[in-house]
Amino acid sequence: QLQLVESGGGLVQPGGSLRLSCAASGGTLDSHAVGWFRQAPGKEREGVSVISSSSRITNYADSVKGRFTISRDNAKNTVYLQMDSLKPEDTAVYYCAADLRMYGTSWAMDEYDYWGQGTQVTVSS
């Protein structure tokens, strides 16, 4: 059973940066697309960024395009989300999820088979 653990969240000032990590255990990520999702208080969970198993395809929500970068290191069984130029509206719990597919990506949360427990990101002065 694949298990995912997020880390790297915290409190940062507007304009600052954080790098989130999503580490997998109990299996390998190299046959999974991985997505980062977030949920702010009182709001629905939304997709932030997704990456295909080979890293050939990456997609971003319009709200983070140009500020966030998703990447993966299959040798380390880890996916990253580099978040720069953070804004208060980026404040949320961030979750990573894995979707068993060799090709492509998906924004559909119900297609993701495994989820982490989430890490809090707070952007505030």
PDB file of N, CA and C in Angstrom:
ATOM      1  N   GLN A   1       0.843  -1.185   0.000  1.00  0.00           N
ATOM      2  CA  GLN A   1       0.000   0.000   0.000  1.00  0.00           C
ATOM      3  C   GLN A   1       0.887   1.247   0.000  1.00  0.00           C
ATOM      4  N   LEU A   2       0.718   2.057  -1.011  1.00  0.00           N
ATOM      5  CA  LEU A   2       1.524   3.268  -1.114  1.00  0.00           C
ATOM      6  C   LEU A   2       1.099   4.258  -0.035  1.00  0.00           C
ATOM      7  N   GLN A   3       2.059   4.828   0.648  1.00  0.00           N
ATOM      8  CA  GLN A   3       1.788   5.869   1.634  1.00  0.00           C
ATOM      9  C   GLN A   3       2.538   7.128   1.243  1.00  0.00           C
ATOM     10  N   LEU A   4       1.878   8.263   1.399  1.00  0.00           N
ATOM     11  CA  LEU A   4       2.452   9.551   1.034  1.00  0.00           C
ATOM     12  C   LEU A   4       2.536  10.439   2.265  1.00  0.00           C
ATOM     13  N   VAL A   5       3.663  11.122   2.411  1.00  0.00           N
ATOM     14  CA  VAL A   5       3.855  12.035   3.537  1.00  0.00           C
ATOM     15  C   VAL A   5       4.365  13.367   3.005  1.00  0.00           C
ATOM     16  N   GLU A   6       3.594  14.424   3.269  1.00  0.00           N
ATOM     17  CA  GLU A   6       4.011  15.759   2.880  1.00  0.00           C
ATOM     18  C   GLU A   6       4.837  16.403   3.983  1.00  0.00           C
ATOM     19  N   SER A   7       5.732  17.284   3.592  1.00  0.00           N
ATOM     20  CA  SER A   7       6.515  18.064   4.549  1.00  0.00           C
ATOM     21  C   SER A   7       6.919  19.368   3.885  1.00  0.00           C
ATOM     22  N   GLY A   8       7.404  20.293   4.707  1.00  0.00           N
ATOM     23  CA  GLY A   8       7.906  21.556   4.176  1.00  0.00           C
ATOM     24  C   GLY A   8       6.982  22.742   4.363  1.00  0.00           C
ATOM     25  N   GLY A   9       5.805  22.504   4.895  1.00  0.00           N
ATOM     26  CA  GLY A   9       4.905  23.615   5.134  1.00  0.00           C
ATOM     27  C   GLY A   9       5.375  24.481   6.279  1.00  0.00           C
ATOM     28  N   GLY A  10       4.694  25.616   6.467  1.00  0.00           N
ATOM     29  CA  GLY A  10       5.038  26.500   7.566  1.00  0.00           C
ATOM     30  C   GLY A  10       4.466  27.879   7.363  1.00  0.00           C
ATOM     31  N   LEU A  11       4.986  28.804   8.152  1.00  0.00           N
ATOM     32  CA  LEU A  11       4.569  30.200   8.104  1.00  0.00           C
ATOM     33  C   LEU A  11       5.619  30.989   7.326  1.00  0.00           C
ATOM     34  N   VAL A  12       5.164  31.761   6.352  1.00  0.00           N
ATOM     35  CA  VAL A  12       6.079  32.553   5.534  1.00  0.00           C
ATOM     36  C   VAL A  12       5.435  33.893   5.232  1.00  0.00           C
ATOM     37  N   GLN A  13       6.253  34.910   5.073  1.00  0.00           N
ATOM     38  CA  GLN A  13       5.733  36.241   4.752  1.00  0.00           C
ATOM     39  C   GLN A  13       5.371  36.326   3.272  1.00  0.00           C
ATOM     40  N   PRO A  14       4.464  37.218   2.931  1.00  0.00           N
ATOM     41  CA  PRO A  14       4.146  37.412   1.507  1.00  0.00           C
ATOM     42  C   PRO A  14       5.412  37.716   0.710  1.00  0.00           C
ATOM     43  N   GLY A  15       5.492  37.105  -0.461  1.00  0.00           N
ATOM     44  CA  GLY A  15       6.682  37.239  -1.296  1.00  0.00           C
ATOM     45  C   GLY A  15       7.740  36.195  -1.025  1.00  0.00           C
ATOM     46  N   GLY A  16       7.567  35.428   0.033  1.00  0.00           N
ATOM     47  CA  GLY A  16       8.547  34.412   0.396  1.00  0.00           C
ATOM     48  C   GLY A  16       8.364  33.118  -0.385  1.00  0.00           C
ATOM     49  N   SER A  17       9.177  32.133  -0.019  1.00  0.00           N
ATOM     50  CA  SER A  17       9.185  30.850  -0.721  1.00  0.00           C
ATOM     51  C   SER A  17       9.134  29.690   0.260  1.00  0.00           C
ATOM     52  N   LEU A  18       8.578  28.597  -0.215  1.00  0.00           N
ATOM     53  CA  LEU A  18       8.607  27.326   0.499  1.00  0.00           C
ATOM     54  C   LEU A  18       8.755  26.217  -0.534  1.00  0.00           C
ATOM     55  N   ARG A  19       9.350  25.114  -0.110  1.00  0.00           N
ATOM     56  CA  ARG A  19       9.389  23.935  -0.957  1.00  0.00           C
ATOM     57  C   ARG A  19       8.734  22.782  -0.221  1.00  0.00           C
ATOM     58  N   LEU A  20       7.650  22.293  -0.784  1.00  0.00           N
ATOM     59  CA  LEU A  20       6.959  21.136  -0.224  1.00  0.00           C
ATOM     60  C   LEU A  20       7.522  19.858  -0.827  1.00  0.00           C
ATOM     61  N   SER A  21       7.568  18.834  -0.006  1.00  0.00           N
ATOM     62  CA  SER A  21       7.990  17.510  -0.467  1.00  0.00           C
ATOM     63  C   SER A  21       6.876  16.511  -0.214  1.00  0.00           C
ATOM     64  N   CYS A  22       6.786  15.547  -1.105  1.00  0.00           N
ATOM     65  CA  CYS A  22       5.820  14.455  -0.971  1.00  0.00           C
ATOM     66  C   CYS A  22       6.618  13.159  -1.122  1.00  0.00           C
ATOM     67  N   ALA A  23       6.868  12.504  -0.007  1.00  0.00           N
ATOM     68  CA  ALA A  23       7.680  11.298  -0.007  1.00  0.00           C
ATOM     69  C   ALA A  23       6.797  10.057   0.058  1.00  0.00           C
ATOM     70  N   ALA A  24       7.099   9.098  -0.792  1.00  0.00           N
ATOM     71  CA  ALA A  24       6.308   7.873  -0.848  1.00  0.00           C
ATOM     72  C   ALA A  24       7.044   6.716  -0.191  1.00  0.00           C
ATOM     73  N   SER A  25       6.278   5.828   0.425  1.00  0.00           N
ATOM     74  CA  SER A  25       6.821   4.597   0.986  1.00  0.00           C
ATOM     75  C   SER A  25       5.832   3.473   0.730  1.00  0.00           C
ATOM     76  N   GLY A  26       6.292   2.249   0.864  1.00  0.00           N
ATOM     77  CA  GLY A  26       5.415   1.103   0.638  1.00  0.00           C
ATOM     78  C   GLY A  26       5.189   0.805  -0.823  1.00  0.00           C
ATOM     79  N   GLY A  27       5.909   1.463  -1.695  1.00  0.00           N
ATOM     80  CA  GLY A  27       5.763   1.276  -3.133  1.00  0.00           C
ATOM     81  C   GLY A  27       6.551   2.347  -3.852  1.00  0.00           C
ATOM     82  N   THR A  28       6.502   2.323  -5.170  1.00  0.00           N
ATOM     83  CA  THR A  28       7.245   3.313  -5.955  1.00  0.00           C
ATOM     84  C   THR A  28       6.289   4.261  -6.670  1.00  0.00           C
ATOM     85  N   LEU A  29       6.751   5.491  -6.829  1.00  0.00           N
ATOM     86  CA  LEU A  29       5.947   6.521  -7.480  1.00  0.00           C
ATOM     87  C   LEU A  29       6.131   6.554  -8.989  1.00  0.00           C
ATOM     88  N   ASP A  30       7.088   5.796  -9.522  1.00  0.00           N
ATOM     89  CA  ASP A  30       7.460   6.004 -10.919  1.00  0.00           C
ATOM     90  C   ASP A  30       6.399   5.582 -11.924  1.00  0.00           C
ATOM     91  N   SER A  31       5.359   4.904 -11.481  1.00  0.00           N
ATOM     92  CA  SER A  31       4.259   4.573 -12.387  1.00  0.00           C
ATOM     93  C   SER A  31       2.998   5.367 -12.054  1.00  0.00           C
ATOM     94  N   HIS A  32       3.177   6.440 -11.301  1.00  0.00           N
ATOM     95  CA  HIS A  32       2.042   7.265 -10.880  1.00  0.00           C
ATOM     96  C   HIS A  32       2.206   8.697 -11.339  1.00  0.00           C
ATOM     97  N   ALA A  33       1.129   9.280 -11.810  1.00  0.00           N
ATOM     98  CA  ALA A  33       1.072  10.727 -11.888  1.00  0.00           C
ATOM     99  C   ALA A  33       0.842  11.234 -10.459  1.00  0.00           C
ATOM    100  N   VAL A  34       1.327  12.416 -10.183  1.00  0.00           N
ATOM    101  CA  VAL A  34       1.184  12.977  -8.831  1.00  0.00           C
ATOM    102  C   VAL A  34       0.614  14.378  -8.941  1.00  0.00           C
ATOM    103  N   GLY A  35      -0.281  14.689  -8.042  1.00  0.00           N
ATOM    104  CA  GLY A  35      -0.866  16.018  -8.016  1.00  0.00           C
ATOM    105  C   GLY A  35      -0.715  16.663  -6.654  1.00  0.00           C
ATOM    106  N   TRP A  36      -0.634  17.968  -6.663  1.00  0.00           N
ATOM    107  CA  TRP A  36      -0.714  18.765  -5.436  1.00  0.00           C
ATOM    108  C   TRP A  36      -2.073  19.463  -5.448  1.00  0.00           C
ATOM    109  N   PHE A  37      -2.753  19.372  -4.334  1.00  0.00           N
ATOM    110  CA  PHE A  37      -4.051  19.996  -4.156  1.00  0.00           C
ATOM    111  C   PHE A  37      -4.009  20.804  -2.868  1.00  0.00           C
ATOM    112  N   ARG A  38      -4.923  21.748  -2.723  1.00  0.00           N
ATOM    113  CA  ARG A  38      -4.951  22.541  -1.503  1.00  0.00           C
ATOM    114  C   ARG A  38      -6.384  22.827  -1.103  1.00  0.00           C
ATOM    115  N   GLN A  39      -6.559  23.060   0.194  1.00  0.00           N
ATOM    116  CA  GLN A  39      -7.871  23.398   0.712  1.00  0.00           C
ATOM    117  C   GLN A  39      -7.726  24.489   1.752  1.00  0.00           C
ATOM    118  N   ALA A  40      -8.330  25.622   1.452  1.00  0.00           N
ATOM    119  CA  ALA A  40      -8.340  26.740   2.372  1.00  0.00           C
ATOM    120  C   ALA A  40      -9.575  26.634   3.267  1.00  0.00           C
ATOM    121  N   PRO A  41      -9.554  27.256   4.440  1.00  0.00           N
ATOM    122  CA  PRO A  41     -10.705  27.186   5.353  1.00  0.00           C
ATOM    123  C   PRO A  41     -11.980  27.665   4.668  1.00  0.00           C
ATOM    124  N   GLY A  42     -13.024  26.866   4.758  1.00  0.00           N
ATOM    125  CA  GLY A  42     -14.304  27.248   4.193  1.00  0.00           C
ATOM    126  C   GLY A  42     -14.413  27.118   2.690  1.00  0.00           C
ATOM    127  N   LYS A  43     -13.374  26.573   2.060  1.00  0.00           N
ATOM    128  CA  LYS A  43     -13.390  26.432   0.609  1.00  0.00           C
ATOM    129  C   LYS A  43     -13.224  24.972   0.208  1.00  0.00           C
ATOM    130  N   GLU A  44     -13.592  24.677  -1.020  1.00  0.00           N
ATOM    131  CA  GLU A  44     -13.426  23.325  -1.535  1.00  0.00           C
ATOM    132  C   GLU A  44     -11.964  23.072  -1.892  1.00  0.00           C
ATOM    133  N   ARG A  45     -11.596  21.796  -1.862  1.00  0.00           N
ATOM    134  CA  ARG A  45     -10.245  21.423  -2.269  1.00  0.00           C
ATOM    135  C   ARG A  45     -10.090  21.700  -3.762  1.00  0.00           C
ATOM    136  N   GLU A  46      -8.933  22.214  -4.137  1.00  0.00           N
ATOM    137  CA  GLU A  46      -8.692  22.557  -5.535  1.00  0.00           C
ATOM    138  C   GLU A  46      -7.327  22.052  -5.992  1.00  0.00           C
ATOM    139  N   GLY A  47      -7.213  21.825  -7.280  1.00  0.00           N
ATOM    140  CA  GLY A  47      -5.946  21.389  -7.845  1.00  0.00           C
ATOM    141  C   GLY A  47      -4.978  22.547  -7.972  1.00  0.00           C
ATOM    142  N   VAL A  48      -3.717  22.277  -7.670  1.00  0.00           N
ATOM    143  CA  VAL A  48      -2.661  23.277  -7.753  1.00  0.00           C
ATOM    144  C   VAL A  48      -1.732  22.969  -8.932  1.00  0.00           C
ATOM    145  N   SER A  49      -1.238  21.728  -8.950  1.00  0.00           N
ATOM    146  CA  SER A  49      -0.297  21.342  -9.992  1.00  0.00           C
ATOM    147  C   SER A  49      -0.269  19.829 -10.105  1.00  0.00           C
ATOM    148  N   VAL A  50      -0.012  19.334 -11.313  1.00  0.00           N
ATOM    149  CA  VAL A  50       0.071  17.896 -11.544  1.00  0.00           C
ATOM    150  C   VAL A  50       1.282  17.599 -12.416  1.00  0.00           C
ATOM    151  N   ILE A  51       1.827  16.394 -12.271  1.00  0.00           N
ATOM    152  CA  ILE A  51       2.991  15.991 -13.041  1.00  0.00           C
ATOM    153  C   ILE A  51       2.827  14.536 -13.448  1.00  0.00           C
ATOM    154  N   SER A  52       3.198  14.234 -14.677  1.00  0.00           N
ATOM    155  CA  SER A  52       3.085  12.858 -15.154  1.00  0.00           C
ATOM    156  C   SER A  52       4.208  12.005 -14.581  1.00  0.00           C
ATOM    157  N   SER A  53       4.087  10.691 -14.756  1.00  0.00           N
ATOM    158  CA  SER A  53       5.056   9.774 -14.166  1.00  0.00           C
ATOM    159  C   SER A  53       6.470  10.011 -14.686  1.00  0.00           C
ATOM    160  N   SER A  54       6.581  10.426 -15.936  1.00  0.00           N
ATOM    161  CA  SER A  54       7.888  10.654 -16.559  1.00  0.00           C
ATOM    162  C   SER A  54       8.379  12.085 -16.436  1.00  0.00           C
ATOM    163  N   SER A  55       7.569  12.959 -15.865  1.00  0.00           N
ATOM    164  CA  SER A  55       7.833  14.401 -15.743  1.00  0.00           C
ATOM    165  C   SER A  55       7.669  15.151 -17.059  1.00  0.00           C
ATOM    166  N   ARG A  56       7.253  14.461 -18.130  1.00  0.00           N
ATOM    167  CA  ARG A  56       7.133  15.147 -19.423  1.00  0.00           C
ATOM    168  C   ARG A  56       5.991  16.152 -19.421  1.00  0.00           C
ATOM    169  N   ILE A  57       4.971  15.887 -18.622  1.00  0.00           N
ATOM    170  CA  ILE A  57       3.802  16.765 -18.601  1.00  0.00           C
ATOM    171  C   ILE A  57       3.659  17.352 -17.205  1.00  0.00           C
ATOM    172  N   THR A  58       3.575  18.685 -17.171  1.00  0.00           N
ATOM    173  CA  THR A  58       3.260  19.389 -15.937  1.00  0.00           C
ATOM    174  C   THR A  58       2.171  20.406 -16.250  1.00  0.00           C
ATOM    175  N   ASN A  59       1.266  20.560 -15.308  1.00  0.00           N
ATOM    176  CA  ASN A  59       0.191  21.534 -15.467  1.00  0.00           C
ATOM    177  C   ASN A  59       0.004  22.291 -14.155  1.00  0.00           C
ATOM    178  N   TYR A  60      -0.459  23.524 -14.301  1.00  0.00           N
ATOM    179  CA  TYR A  60      -0.625  24.384 -13.138  1.00  0.00           C
ATOM    180  C   TYR A  60      -1.977  25.079 -13.189  1.00  0.00           C
ATOM    181  N   ALA A  61      -2.525  25.313 -12.026  1.00  0.00           N
ATOM    182  CA  ALA A  61      -3.706  26.166 -11.931  1.00  0.00           C
ATOM    183  C   ALA A  61      -3.300  27.586 -12.331  1.00  0.00           C
ATOM    184  N   ASP A  62      -4.227  28.301 -12.919  1.00  0.00           N
ATOM    185  CA  ASP A  62      -3.924  29.671 -13.364  1.00  0.00           C
ATOM    186  C   ASP A  62      -3.452  30.545 -12.200  1.00  0.00           C
ATOM    187  N   SER A  63      -3.960  30.280 -11.024  1.00  0.00           N
ATOM    188  CA  SER A  63      -3.641  31.114  -9.864  1.00  0.00           C
ATOM    189  C   SER A  63      -2.195  30.971  -9.400  1.00  0.00           C
ATOM    190  N   VAL A  64      -1.510  29.898  -9.818  1.00  0.00           N
ATOM    191  CA  VAL A  64      -0.131  29.679  -9.360  1.00  0.00           C
ATOM    192  C   VAL A  64       0.862  29.652 -10.511  1.00  0.00           C
ATOM    193  N   LYS A  65       0.373  29.730 -11.726  1.00  0.00           N
ATOM    194  CA  LYS A  65       1.240  29.647 -12.899  1.00  0.00           C
ATOM    195  C   LYS A  65       2.297  30.755 -12.854  1.00  0.00           C
ATOM    196  N   GLY A  66       3.539  30.380 -13.080  1.00  0.00           N
ATOM    197  CA  GLY A  66       4.632  31.343 -13.050  1.00  0.00           C
ATOM    198  C   GLY A  66       5.234  31.544 -11.676  1.00  0.00           C
ATOM    199  N   ARG A  67       4.573  31.015 -10.638  1.00  0.00           N
ATOM    200  CA  ARG A  67       5.086  31.163  -9.266  1.00  0.00           C
ATOM    201  C   ARG A  67       5.471  29.819  -8.653  1.00  0.00           C
ATOM    202  N   PHE A  68       4.757  28.771  -9.022  1.00  0.00           N
ATOM    203  CA  PHE A  68       5.000  27.433  -8.459  1.00  0.00           C
ATOM    204  C   PHE A  68       5.639  26.545  -9.525  1.00  0.00           C
ATOM    205  N   THR A  69       6.479  25.619  -9.067  1.00  0.00           N
ATOM    206  CA  THR A  69       7.109  24.656  -9.968  1.00  0.00           C
ATOM    207  C   THR A  69       7.023  23.269  -9.365  1.00  0.00           C
ATOM    208  N   ILE A  70       6.462  22.337 -10.118  1.00  0.00           N
ATOM    209  CA  ILE A  70       6.378  20.956  -9.665  1.00  0.00           C
ATOM    210  C   ILE A  70       7.512  20.161 -10.309  1.00  0.00           C
ATOM    211  N   SER A  71       8.072  19.241  -9.559  1.00  0.00           N
ATOM    212  CA  SER A  71       9.133  18.381 -10.090  1.00  0.00           C
ATOM    213  C   SER A  71       9.107  17.066  -9.320  1.00  0.00           C
ATOM    214  N   ARG A  72       9.856  16.102  -9.830  1.00  0.00           N
ATOM    215  CA  ARG A  72       9.894  14.819  -9.139  1.00  0.00           C
ATOM    216  C   ARG A  72      11.261  14.189  -9.319  1.00  0.00           C
ATOM    217  N   ASP A  73      11.628  13.384  -8.339  1.00  0.00           N
ATOM    218  CA  ASP A  73      12.851  12.600  -8.386  1.00  0.00           C
ATOM    219  C   ASP A  73      12.440  11.158  -8.103  1.00  0.00           C
ATOM    220  N   ASN A  74      12.252  10.402  -9.164  1.00  0.00           N
ATOM    221  CA  ASN A  74      11.758   9.032  -8.971  1.00  0.00           C
ATOM    222  C   ASN A  74      12.760   8.156  -8.237  1.00  0.00           C
ATOM    223  N   ALA A  75      14.043   8.480  -8.351  1.00  0.00           N
ATOM    224  CA  ALA A  75      15.053   7.712  -7.616  1.00  0.00           C
ATOM    225  C   ALA A  75      14.884   7.884  -6.107  1.00  0.00           C
ATOM    226  N   LYS A  76      14.386   9.061  -5.718  1.00  0.00           N
ATOM    227  CA  LYS A  76      14.148   9.335  -4.296  1.00  0.00           C
ATOM    228  C   LYS A  76      12.697   9.109  -3.907  1.00  0.00           C
ATOM    229  N   ASN A  77      11.881   8.696  -4.888  1.00  0.00           N
ATOM    230  CA  ASN A  77      10.473   8.431  -4.595  1.00  0.00           C
ATOM    231  C   ASN A  77       9.771   9.659  -4.014  1.00  0.00           C
ATOM    232  N   THR A  78      10.115  10.829  -4.546  1.00  0.00           N
ATOM    233  CA  THR A  78       9.645  12.085  -3.963  1.00  0.00           C
ATOM    234  C   THR A  78       9.223  13.054  -5.074  1.00  0.00           C
ATOM    235  N   VAL A  79       8.169  13.793  -4.779  1.00  0.00           N
ATOM    236  CA  VAL A  79       7.705  14.871  -5.653  1.00  0.00           C
ATOM    237  C   VAL A  79       7.776  16.169  -4.866  1.00  0.00           C
ATOM    238  N   TYR A  80       8.125  17.238  -5.551  1.00  0.00           N
ATOM    239  CA  TYR A  80       8.321  18.530  -4.900  1.00  0.00           C
ATOM    240  C   TYR A  80       7.370  19.575  -5.484  1.00  0.00           C
ATOM    241  N   LEU A  81       7.096  20.577  -4.672  1.00  0.00           N
ATOM    242  CA  LEU A  81       6.381  21.754  -5.140  1.00  0.00           C
ATOM    243  C   LEU A  81       7.136  22.971  -4.622  1.00  0.00           C
ATOM    244  N   GLN A  82       7.851  23.635  -5.527  1.00  0.00           N
ATOM    245  CA  GLN A  82       8.558  24.871  -5.173  1.00  0.00           C
ATOM    246  C   GLN A  82       7.570  26.021  -5.310  1.00  0.00           C
ATOM    247  N   MET A  83       7.374  26.738  -4.233  1.00  0.00           N
ATOM    248  CA  MET A  83       6.401  27.833  -4.215  1.00  0.00           C
ATOM    249  C   MET A  83       7.128  29.135  -3.965  1.00  0.00           C
ATOM    250  N   ASP A  84       7.128  30.012  -4.939  1.00  0.00           N
ATOM    251  CA  ASP A  84       7.774  31.320  -4.842  1.00  0.00           C
ATOM    252  C   ASP A  84       6.736  32.428  -4.919  1.00  0.00           C
ATOM    253  N   SER A  85       7.141  33.614  -4.537  1.00  0.00           N
ATOM    254  CA  SER A  85       6.250  34.788  -4.580  1.00  0.00           C
ATOM    255  C   SER A  85       4.907  34.473  -3.934  1.00  0.00           C
ATOM    256  N   LEU A  86       4.967  33.903  -2.761  1.00  0.00           N
ATOM    257  CA  LEU A  86       3.739  33.464  -2.086  1.00  0.00           C
ATOM    258  C   LEU A  86       2.852  34.638  -1.711  1.00  0.00           C
ATOM    259  N   LYS A  87       1.567  34.398  -1.774  1.00  0.00           N
ATOM    260  CA  LYS A  87       0.559  35.407  -1.470  1.00  0.00           C
ATOM    261  C   LYS A  87      -0.316  34.910  -0.319  1.00  0.00           C
ATOM    262  N   PRO A  88      -0.959  35.804   0.404  1.00  0.00           N
ATOM    263  CA  PRO A  88      -1.850  35.365   1.479  1.00  0.00           C
ATOM    264  C   PRO A  88      -2.928  34.392   0.984  1.00  0.00           C
ATOM    265  N   GLU A  89      -3.374  34.552  -0.230  1.00  0.00           N
ATOM    266  CA  GLU A  89      -4.411  33.663  -0.760  1.00  0.00           C
ATOM    267  C   GLU A  89      -3.896  32.252  -1.054  1.00  0.00           C
ATOM    268  N   ASP A  90      -2.590  32.032  -0.918  1.00  0.00           N
ATOM    269  CA  ASP A  90      -2.031  30.684  -1.039  1.00  0.00           C
ATOM    270  C   ASP A  90      -2.150  29.900   0.272  1.00  0.00           C
ATOM    271  N   THR A  91      -2.588  30.572   1.326  1.00  0.00           N
ATOM    272  CA  THR A  91      -2.741  29.908   2.613  1.00  0.00           C
ATOM    273  C   THR A  91      -3.765  28.780   2.526  1.00  0.00           C
ATOM    274  N   ALA A  92      -3.340  27.581   2.899  1.00  0.00           N
ATOM    275  CA  ALA A  92      -4.201  26.400   2.790  1.00  0.00           C
ATOM    276  C   ALA A  92      -3.451  25.197   3.340  1.00  0.00           C
ATOM    277  N   VAL A  93      -4.165  24.105   3.491  1.00  0.00           N
ATOM    278  CA  VAL A  93      -3.524  22.811   3.709  1.00  0.00           C
ATOM    279  C   VAL A  93      -3.243  22.226   2.325  1.00  0.00           C
ATOM    280  N   TYR A  94      -2.006  21.827   2.121  1.00  0.00           N
ATOM    281  CA  TYR A  94      -1.586  21.283   0.834  1.00  0.00           C
ATOM    282  C   TYR A  94      -1.466  19.769   0.934  1.00  0.00           C
ATOM    283  N   TYR A  95      -2.046  19.095  -0.029  1.00  0.00           N
ATOM    284  CA  TYR A  95      -2.045  17.633  -0.078  1.00  0.00           C
ATOM    285  C   TYR A  95      -1.388  17.155  -1.366  1.00  0.00           C
ATOM    286  N   CYS A  96      -0.633  16.072  -1.269  1.00  0.00           N
ATOM    287  CA  CYS A  96      -0.204  15.416  -2.494  1.00  0.00           C
ATOM    288  C   CYS A  96      -1.012  14.124  -2.649  1.00  0.00           C
ATOM    289  N   ALA A  97      -1.140  13.702  -3.887  1.00  0.00           N
ATOM    290  CA  ALA A  97      -1.908  12.506  -4.195  1.00  0.00           C
ATOM    291  C   ALA A  97      -1.287  11.800  -5.399  1.00  0.00           C
ATOM    292  N   ALA A  98      -1.426  10.487  -5.442  1.00  0.00           N
ATOM    293  CA  ALA A  98      -0.839   9.684  -6.515  1.00  0.00           C
ATOM    294  C   ALA A  98      -1.926   8.947  -7.278  1.00  0.00           C
ATOM    295  N   ASP A  99      -1.792   8.981  -8.595  1.00  0.00           N
ATOM    296  CA  ASP A  99      -2.773   8.377  -9.504  1.00  0.00           C
ATOM    297  C   ASP A  99      -2.030   7.342 -10.345  1.00  0.00           C
ATOM    298  N   LEU A 100      -2.400   6.073 -10.198  1.00  0.00           N
ATOM    299  CA  LEU A 100      -1.706   5.014 -10.923  1.00  0.00           C
ATOM    300  C   LEU A 100      -2.008   5.110 -12.413  1.00  0.00           C
ATOM    301  N   ARG A 101      -1.140   5.787 -13.142  1.00  0.00           N
ATOM    302  CA  ARG A 101      -1.245   5.889 -14.590  1.00  0.00           C
ATOM    303  C   ARG A 101       0.140   6.130 -15.162  1.00  0.00           C
ATOM    304  N   MET A 102       0.444   5.473 -16.248  1.00  0.00           N
ATOM    305  CA  MET A 102       1.766   5.611 -16.854  1.00  0.00           C
ATOM    306  C   MET A 102       1.867   6.851 -17.728  1.00  0.00           C
ATOM    307  N   TYR A 103       0.732   7.319 -18.252  1.00  0.00           N
ATOM    308  CA  TYR A 103       0.779   8.432 -19.202  1.00  0.00           C
ATOM    309  C   TYR A 103      -0.213   9.513 -18.802  1.00  0.00           C
ATOM    310  N   GLY A 104       0.197  10.757 -19.007  1.00  0.00           N
ATOM    311  CA  GLY A 104      -0.714  11.860 -18.795  1.00  0.00           C
ATOM    312  C   GLY A 104      -0.908  12.224 -17.345  1.00  0.00           C
ATOM    313  N   THR A 105      -1.845  13.141 -17.143  1.00  0.00           N
ATOM    314  CA  THR A 105      -2.174  13.631 -15.807  1.00  0.00           C
ATOM    315  C   THR A 105      -3.682  13.829 -15.717  1.00  0.00           C
ATOM    316  N   SER A 106      -4.145  14.127 -14.532  1.00  0.00           N
ATOM    317  CA  SER A 106      -5.564  14.396 -14.348  1.00  0.00           C
ATOM    318  C   SER A 106      -5.753  15.398 -13.241  1.00  0.00           C
ATOM    319  N   TRP A 107      -6.739  16.257 -13.383  1.00  0.00           N
ATOM    320  CA  TRP A 107      -7.135  17.160 -12.314  1.00  0.00           C
ATOM    321  C   TRP A 107      -8.265  16.565 -11.465  1.00  0.00           C
ATOM    322  N   ALA A 108      -8.809  15.439 -11.899  1.00  0.00           N
ATOM    323  CA  ALA A 108      -9.969  14.860 -11.211  1.00  0.00           C
ATOM    324  C   ALA A 108      -9.532  14.156  -9.936  1.00  0.00           C
ATOM    325  N   MET A 109      -9.941  14.706  -8.800  1.00  0.00           N
ATOM    326  CA  MET A 109      -9.488  14.167  -7.523  1.00  0.00           C
ATOM    327  C   MET A 109      -9.953  12.741  -7.285  1.00  0.00           C
ATOM    328  N   ASP A 110     -11.095  12.370  -7.840  1.00  0.00           N
ATOM    329  CA  ASP A 110     -11.582  11.012  -7.606  1.00  0.00           C
ATOM    330  C   ASP A 110     -10.792   9.964  -8.382  1.00  0.00           C
ATOM    331  N   GLU A 111      -9.868  10.405  -9.229  1.00  0.00           N
ATOM    332  CA  GLU A 111      -9.015   9.457  -9.942  1.00  0.00           C
ATOM    333  C   GLU A 111      -7.741   9.148  -9.175  1.00  0.00           C
ATOM    334  N   TYR A 112      -7.498   9.878  -8.104  1.00  0.00           N
ATOM    335  CA  TYR A 112      -6.278   9.683  -7.330  1.00  0.00           C
ATOM    336  C   TYR A 112      -6.510   8.604  -6.279  1.00  0.00           C
ATOM    337  N   ASP A 113      -5.579   7.657  -6.266  1.00  0.00           N
ATOM    338  CA  ASP A 113      -5.738   6.473  -5.430  1.00  0.00           C
ATOM    339  C   ASP A 113      -5.202   6.644  -4.021  1.00  0.00           C
ATOM    340  N   TYR A 114      -4.193   7.470  -3.870  1.00  0.00           N
ATOM    341  CA  TYR A 114      -3.522   7.619  -2.579  1.00  0.00           C
ATOM    342  C   TYR A 114      -3.357   9.103  -2.253  1.00  0.00           C
ATOM    343  N   TRP A 115      -3.542   9.416  -0.981  1.00  0.00           N
ATOM    344  CA  TRP A 115      -3.462  10.801  -0.513  1.00  0.00           C
ATOM    345  C   TRP A 115      -2.580  10.865   0.726  1.00  0.00           C
ATOM    346  N   GLY A 116      -1.859  11.984   0.846  1.00  0.00           N
ATOM    347  CA  GLY A 116      -1.146  12.262   2.071  1.00  0.00           C
ATOM    348  C   GLY A 116      -2.052  12.931   3.090  1.00  0.00           C
ATOM    349  N   GLN A 117      -1.488  13.219   4.249  1.00  0.00           N
ATOM    350  CA  GLN A 117      -2.286  13.781   5.347  1.00  0.00           C
ATOM    351  C   GLN A 117      -2.358  15.304   5.294  1.00  0.00           C
ATOM    352  N   GLY A 118      -1.516  15.900   4.474  1.00  0.00           N
ATOM    353  CA  GLY A 118      -1.545  17.341   4.301  1.00  0.00           C
ATOM    354  C   GLY A 118      -0.506  18.069   5.134  1.00  0.00           C
ATOM    355  N   THR A 119      -0.106  19.240   4.647  1.00  0.00           N
ATOM    356  CA  THR A 119       0.813  20.111   5.384  1.00  0.00           C
ATOM    357  C   THR A 119       0.305  21.542   5.272  1.00  0.00           C
ATOM    358  N   GLN A 120       0.335  22.250   6.387  1.00  0.00           N
ATOM    359  CA  GLN A 120      -0.222  23.603   6.441  1.00  0.00           C
ATOM    360  C   GLN A 120       0.774  24.617   5.880  1.00  0.00           C
ATOM    361  N   VAL A 121       0.285  25.463   5.002  1.00  0.00           N
ATOM    362  CA  VAL A 121       1.049  26.598   4.505  1.00  0.00           C
ATOM    363  C   VAL A 121       0.289  27.859   4.879  1.00  0.00           C
ATOM    364  N   THR A 122       0.948  28.756   5.588  1.00  0.00           N
ATOM    365  CA  THR A 122       0.340  30.018   5.996  1.00  0.00           C
ATOM    366  C   THR A 122       1.205  31.162   5.499  1.00  0.00           C
ATOM    367  N   VAL A 123       0.592  32.039   4.732  1.00  0.00           N
ATOM    368  CA  VAL A 123       1.308  33.197   4.195  1.00  0.00           C
ATOM    369  C   VAL A 123       0.729  34.440   4.860  1.00  0.00           C
ATOM    370  N   SER A 124       1.521  35.050   5.706  1.00  0.00           N
ATOM    371  CA  SER A 124       1.028  36.178   6.488  1.00  0.00           C
ATOM    372  C   SER A 124       2.193  37.015   6.970  1.00  0.00           C
ATOM    373  N   SER A 125       1.938  38.322   7.091  1.00  0.00           N
ATOM    374  CA  SER A 125       2.955  39.210   7.652  1.00  0.00           C
ATOM    375  C   SER A 125       2.739  39.389   9.147  1.00  0.00           C
TER     376      SER A 125
END
